[in-house]
């Protein structure tokens, strides 16, 4: 296997003609909207890093693996672009989420379950944007409310809690 790392020309020039961008990539790259968002500023470093990785996912920007047959007379060659492994990427993030869920299945009891979502009104979003460390406390409050409600009804409650700050 040979790994080739190309130079970093503009992202869209790196996409091969056969590559079809995923819908979220199309949204970010249409009319240079991602470039305009970066120019405007105000984005956190992690947001810029995550979207940049997602946009580069599956392109030669992240490197290319070159596979050939063990038979030296065989002309078959396969090139695979590396993935970003970023949780913000619809492809890589979904794979990671599905794997996490599969790994948790053995920990769950055989019982009925309910999926609940706690949300914040959009008027509070700026408060949490500037105080990210409060998200953990918010999650804890949601869990405590569920446990309290269960105790009042004589029900033992088990909780998985995941914070979604986007999507």
Protein backbone atom coordinates (compact mmCIF):
# COMPACT_ATOMS: atom_id res chain seq x y z
CA UNK A 1 0.00 0.00 0.00
CA UNK A 2 1.28 3.46 -0.91
CA UNK A 3 -0.10 6.54 0.79
CA UNK A 4 0.19 9.76 -1.17
CA UNK A 5 -0.41 13.12 0.49
CA UNK A 6 -1.12 15.85 -2.04
CA UNK A 7 -0.43 19.53 -1.62
CA UNK A 8 -3.39 21.61 -0.48
CA UNK A 9 -4.91 23.43 -3.45
CA UNK A 10 -8.52 24.60 -3.07
CA UNK A 11 -10.87 21.88 -1.88
CA UNK A 12 -13.18 21.78 -4.88
CA UNK A 13 -10.27 21.34 -7.28
CA UNK A 14 -9.25 18.20 -5.39
CA UNK A 15 -12.51 16.37 -6.06
CA UNK A 16 -12.25 13.86 -8.85
CA UNK A 17 -14.73 14.16 -11.73
CA UNK A 18 -16.42 10.91 -10.64
CA UNK A 19 -16.92 12.17 -7.09
CA UNK A 20 -20.47 13.25 -6.21
CA UNK A 21 -20.58 15.54 -3.16
CA UNK A 22 -22.91 14.55 -0.36
CA UNK A 23 -25.92 16.85 0.22
CA UNK A 24 -24.42 18.61 3.25
CA UNK A 25 -21.22 19.29 1.29
CA UNK A 26 -23.32 20.77 -1.50
CA UNK A 27 -25.04 23.04 1.01
CA UNK A 28 -21.76 24.33 2.45
CA UNK A 29 -20.07 24.81 -0.91
CA UNK A 30 -22.99 26.27 -2.90
CA UNK A 31 -22.33 29.90 -3.78
CA UNK A 32 -19.17 29.84 -1.66
CA UNK A 33 -21.32 29.98 1.51
CA UNK A 34 -18.68 28.27 3.71
CA UNK A 35 -16.00 30.67 2.51
CA UNK A 36 -18.32 33.60 3.30
CA UNK A 37 -19.06 32.23 6.79
CA UNK A 38 -15.35 31.94 7.53
CA UNK A 39 -14.72 35.48 6.26
CA UNK A 40 -17.48 36.84 8.52
CA UNK A 41 -15.81 35.23 11.53
CA UNK A 42 -17.47 34.46 14.83
CA UNK A 43 -17.11 30.71 14.45
CA UNK A 44 -15.39 28.65 17.11
CA UNK A 45 -12.18 26.84 16.14
CA UNK A 46 -13.86 23.45 16.62
CA UNK A 47 -16.65 24.45 14.21
CA UNK A 48 -14.19 25.52 11.53
CA UNK A 49 -12.11 22.38 12.06
CA UNK A 50 -15.13 20.05 11.95
CA UNK A 51 -16.67 21.54 8.82
CA UNK A 52 -13.30 21.69 7.08
CA UNK A 53 -12.74 17.98 7.83
CA UNK A 54 -16.27 17.13 6.66
CA UNK A 55 -15.74 19.00 3.39
CA UNK A 56 -12.43 17.21 2.82
CA UNK A 57 -13.86 13.77 3.65
CA UNK A 58 -13.58 11.30 0.79
CA UNK A 59 -11.35 13.59 -1.27
CA UNK A 60 -7.65 13.38 -1.98
CA UNK A 61 -7.02 16.29 0.42
CA UNK A 62 -6.91 13.77 3.28
CA UNK A 63 -4.67 11.43 1.32
CA UNK A 64 -5.26 8.50 -0.99
CA UNK A 65 -4.64 4.80 -0.50
CA UNK A 66 -3.39 2.97 -3.57
CA UNK A 67 -4.19 -0.75 -3.73
CA UNK A 68 -2.83 -3.20 -6.28
CA UNK A 69 -3.03 -6.95 -6.74
CA UNK A 70 -0.37 -9.18 -5.22
CA UNK A 71 0.12 -10.51 -8.74
CA UNK A 72 2.55 -8.05 -10.34
CA UNK A 73 1.25 -8.80 -13.85
CA UNK A 74 -2.30 -7.79 -12.86
CA UNK A 75 -3.19 -4.28 -14.07
CA UNK A 76 -5.99 -3.67 -11.55
CA UNK A 77 -5.48 -0.65 -9.33
CA UNK A 78 -7.88 0.84 -6.81
CA UNK A 79 -7.56 4.29 -5.26
CA UNK A 80 -9.49 5.11 -2.11
CA UNK A 81 -9.62 8.58 -0.62
CA UNK A 82 -9.23 8.75 3.15
CA UNK A 83 -12.15 9.72 5.35
CA UNK A 84 -12.18 12.41 8.02
CA UNK A 85 -13.42 10.35 11.01
CA UNK A 86 -15.14 13.49 12.29
CA UNK A 87 -18.38 13.24 14.26
CA UNK A 88 -19.75 16.29 12.40
CA UNK A 89 -19.46 14.46 9.08
CA UNK A 90 -22.77 12.88 8.03
CA UNK A 91 -20.95 9.77 6.79
CA UNK A 92 -18.22 9.29 9.41
CA UNK A 93 -20.31 10.58 12.31
CA UNK A 94 -23.17 8.23 11.46
CA UNK A 95 -20.79 5.27 11.32
CA UNK A 96 -19.31 6.22 14.70
CA UNK A 97 -22.78 6.68 16.23
CA UNK A 98 -24.00 3.34 14.88
CA UNK A 99 -20.88 1.63 16.26
CA UNK A 100 -21.35 3.29 19.67
CA UNK A 101 -24.98 2.14 19.79
CA UNK A 102 -23.98 -1.41 18.85
CA UNK A 103 -21.34 -1.41 21.59
CA UNK A 104 -23.91 -0.27 24.19
CA UNK A 105 -26.54 -2.90 23.37
CA UNK A 106 -25.04 -5.52 25.71
CA UNK A 107 -25.28 -3.05 28.61
CA UNK A 108 -29.02 -2.49 28.24
CA UNK A 109 -31.58 -4.65 30.01
CA UNK A 110 -34.31 -6.40 28.05
CA UNK A 111 -37.16 -3.98 28.64
CA UNK A 112 -39.36 -1.44 26.95
CA UNK A 113 -37.81 1.96 26.52
CA UNK A 114 -38.74 5.49 25.58
CA UNK A 115 -36.68 8.05 23.66
CA UNK A 116 -37.00 11.52 25.21
CA UNK A 117 -35.57 14.80 23.98
CA UNK A 118 -34.98 17.82 26.18
CA UNK A 119 -34.63 21.05 24.25
CA UNK A 120 -33.87 24.69 24.90
CA UNK A 121 -35.74 27.64 23.46
CA UNK A 122 -33.65 29.42 20.86
CA UNK A 123 -33.59 32.54 23.04
CA UNK A 124 -31.23 30.66 25.42
CA UNK A 125 -28.85 29.39 22.72
CA UNK A 126 -26.51 32.40 22.92
CA UNK A 127 -26.18 31.90 26.67
CA UNK A 128 -24.94 28.34 26.18
CA UNK A 129 -22.87 29.30 23.15
CA UNK A 130 -20.80 31.58 25.38
CA UNK A 131 -20.84 29.20 28.39
CA UNK A 132 -20.25 25.78 26.86
CA UNK A 133 -19.30 24.32 30.25
CA UNK A 134 -22.95 24.74 31.34
CA UNK A 135 -24.01 22.00 28.92
CA UNK A 136 -22.85 19.30 31.31
CA UNK A 137 -24.93 20.80 34.14
CA UNK A 138 -27.92 21.07 31.81
CA UNK A 139 -27.61 17.40 30.92
CA UNK A 140 -27.35 16.50 34.60
CA UNK A 141 -30.55 18.48 35.35
CA UNK A 142 -32.44 16.62 32.63
CA UNK A 143 -31.27 13.26 34.00
CA UNK A 144 -32.10 14.27 37.59
CA UNK A 145 -35.63 15.21 36.50
CA UNK A 146 -36.14 11.81 34.89
CA UNK A 147 -34.80 9.97 37.94
CA UNK A 148 -37.00 12.05 40.26
CA UNK A 149 -40.11 11.37 38.17
CA UNK A 150 -39.30 7.66 38.17
CA UNK A 151 -38.79 7.52 41.96
CA UNK A 152 -42.14 9.26 42.54
CA UNK A 153 -43.84 6.54 40.50
CA UNK A 154 -41.85 3.65 41.91
CA UNK A 155 -40.10 3.02 38.60
CA UNK A 156 -36.40 2.32 38.24
CA UNK A 157 -35.13 4.50 35.40
CA UNK A 158 -31.97 4.00 33.39
CA UNK A 159 -30.69 6.88 31.29
CA UNK A 160 -28.30 7.38 28.40
CA UNK A 161 -27.77 11.06 27.86
CA UNK A 162 -26.19 12.63 24.78
CA UNK A 163 -25.79 16.33 24.19
CA UNK A 164 -26.45 17.48 20.62
CA UNK A 165 -25.25 20.99 19.97
CA UNK A 166 -25.96 20.85 16.25
CA UNK A 167 -28.07 18.95 13.74
